[in-house]
Amino acid sequence: MIVEQSVGPVLEVARLDVRPGQEAAFERAISAARPLIAATPGFVSIEIRRCFETPSRYLLLVAWERLEDHMIGFRQSDRYAEWKALLHHFYDPFPVVEHYAAAQDLDAGDSARM
C-alpha cells in the first residue's frame, strides 16, 4: 500500500454494518476502543453516528492531522491490533474506509449548476 504525504487535516470515513442484534455489544466495544485510537499521535477527534433507517449501520468519522497518522501511525501499531480484536468480528460485510480532505477551492457558481 502506498501512502502519499498529505497536507492538512484528513477525515477518515467508514460505514460500519454491524451484525443485526449485536448493536448494544458493538456500542460497548467501540466505547472501550476509543482510547486506543485517541492515543495515536496525529489523532484529532472521533465521532460515531447510528443510522435511523438501518439501526445496525454506523458511520465512523475520525479526524487526523495527516493521512499517515492513520495509515502508518495507527494501522501499524499494537493499538490497532487491540482495536481489531475488540471490533472486527461485529462487521458484516467488512467496512470500506475512505479518507477525505477539505474541498478548499469550490466555486459557489459551479456548485449551483450541479
Protein backbone atom coordinates (compact mmCIF):
# COMPACT_ATOMS: atom_id res chain seq x y z
CA MET A 1 0.00 0.00 0.00
CA ILE A 2 1.32 3.40 -0.99
CA VAL A 3 0.62 6.31 1.33
CA GLU A 4 1.40 9.71 -0.12
CA GLN A 5 2.19 12.52 2.27
CA SER A 6 -0.91 14.55 2.95
CA VAL A 7 -1.26 18.21 3.76
CA GLY A 8 -3.80 19.47 6.27
CA PRO A 9 -6.50 17.69 8.20
CA VAL A 10 -7.89 14.39 6.93
CA LEU A 11 -11.28 12.86 7.67
CA GLU A 12 -11.44 9.06 7.80
CA VAL A 13 -14.94 7.80 6.96
CA ALA A 14 -16.05 4.20 7.41
CA ARG A 15 -19.55 2.77 7.04
CA LEU A 16 -19.85 0.02 9.63
CA ASP A 17 -22.53 -2.61 9.08
CA VAL A 18 -22.86 -4.47 12.38
CA ARG A 19 -24.44 -7.91 12.57
CA PRO A 20 -28.12 -7.36 13.50
CA GLY A 21 -28.77 -7.98 17.18
CA GLN A 22 -25.17 -7.05 18.09
CA GLU A 23 -25.66 -3.27 18.24
CA ALA A 24 -25.52 -2.92 22.04
CA ALA A 25 -22.41 -5.10 22.30
CA PHE A 26 -20.79 -3.17 19.44
CA GLU A 27 -21.51 0.16 21.12
CA ARG A 28 -19.89 -1.06 24.34
CA ALA A 29 -16.88 -2.37 22.41
CA ILE A 30 -16.36 0.83 20.42
CA SER A 31 -16.58 2.82 23.65
CA ALA A 32 -13.81 0.63 25.06
CA ALA A 33 -11.78 1.02 21.84
CA ARG A 34 -11.89 4.85 21.70
CA PRO A 35 -8.86 5.37 23.98
CA LEU A 36 -6.78 3.12 21.68
CA ILE A 37 -7.24 5.36 18.66
CA ALA A 38 -7.19 8.58 20.70
CA ALA A 39 -3.70 7.75 21.99
CA THR A 40 -2.26 7.86 18.46
CA PRO A 41 -0.12 10.88 17.57
CA GLY A 42 -1.97 12.96 14.99
CA PHE A 43 -5.43 11.92 16.20
CA VAL A 44 -7.84 14.88 16.36
CA SER A 45 -11.32 13.52 17.08
CA ILE A 46 -13.70 10.58 16.71
CA GLU A 47 -17.44 10.51 16.17
CA ILE A 48 -19.74 7.53 15.76
CA ARG A 49 -23.21 8.02 14.25
CA ARG A 50 -26.01 5.42 14.14
CA CYS A 51 -28.30 5.27 11.09
CA PHE A 52 -32.02 5.96 11.56
CA GLU A 53 -33.10 3.88 8.56
CA THR A 54 -30.80 0.91 9.22
CA PRO A 55 -30.22 0.66 13.00
CA SER A 56 -27.37 -1.83 12.63
CA ARG A 57 -25.41 0.64 10.43
CA TYR A 58 -22.98 3.21 11.84
CA LEU A 59 -20.67 5.87 10.45
CA LEU A 60 -17.23 6.17 11.98
CA LEU A 61 -15.71 9.63 11.46
CA VAL A 62 -12.14 10.14 12.61
CA ALA A 63 -10.21 13.36 12.06
CA TRP A 64 -6.44 13.08 11.69
CA GLU A 65 -3.76 15.72 11.25
CA ARG A 66 -2.30 13.77 8.29
CA LEU A 67 -3.20 10.61 6.35
CA GLU A 68 -0.01 8.92 7.55
CA ASP A 69 -1.12 9.33 11.16
CA HIS A 70 -3.92 6.87 10.44
CA MET A 71 -2.38 4.59 7.82
CA ILE A 72 1.03 4.23 9.45
CA GLY A 73 0.84 5.63 12.98
CA PHE A 74 -2.34 3.78 13.97
CA ARG A 75 -2.67 0.90 11.50
CA GLN A 76 0.87 -0.32 12.13
CA SER A 77 0.63 -0.05 15.93
CA ASP A 78 -0.12 -2.53 18.71
CA ARG A 79 -3.17 -0.37 19.50
CA TYR A 80 -4.65 -1.29 16.10
CA ALA A 81 -4.27 -5.00 16.88
CA GLU A 82 -6.30 -4.41 20.05
CA TRP A 83 -8.86 -2.32 18.10
CA LYS A 84 -9.28 -5.18 15.60
CA ALA A 85 -9.75 -7.75 18.37
CA LEU A 86 -12.44 -5.60 20.00
CA LEU A 87 -14.38 -4.63 16.87
CA HIS A 88 -13.76 -6.52 13.65
CA HIS A 89 -15.91 -9.56 14.50
CA PHE A 90 -19.02 -7.31 14.57
CA TYR A 91 -18.83 -6.31 10.88
CA ASP A 92 -20.73 -7.94 8.02
CA PRO A 93 -19.59 -7.05 5.44
CA PHE A 94 -16.19 -5.67 6.34
CA PRO A 95 -16.23 -1.86 6.06
CA VAL A 96 -14.72 0.23 3.33
CA VAL A 97 -12.59 3.03 4.76
CA GLU A 98 -12.00 6.23 2.79
CA HIS A 99 -10.11 9.42 3.54
CA TYR A 100 -11.28 12.94 2.69
CA ALA A 101 -9.64 16.36 2.55
CA ALA A 102 -11.45 19.68 2.67
CA ALA A 103 -12.60 20.95 -0.71
CA GLN A 104 -10.88 24.32 -0.47
CA ASP A 105 -11.50 25.90 -3.84
CA LEU A 106 -15.10 25.15 -4.76
CA ASP A 107 -16.68 27.91 -6.80
CA ALA A 108 -20.22 28.56 -5.48
CA GLY A 109 -21.38 29.29 -9.04
CA ASP A 110 -20.18 25.91 -10.30
CA SER A 111 -21.80 24.01 -7.44
CA ALA A 112 -25.14 25.75 -8.08
CA ARG A 113 -25.23 24.25 -11.59
CA MET A 114 -24.86 20.68 -10.32
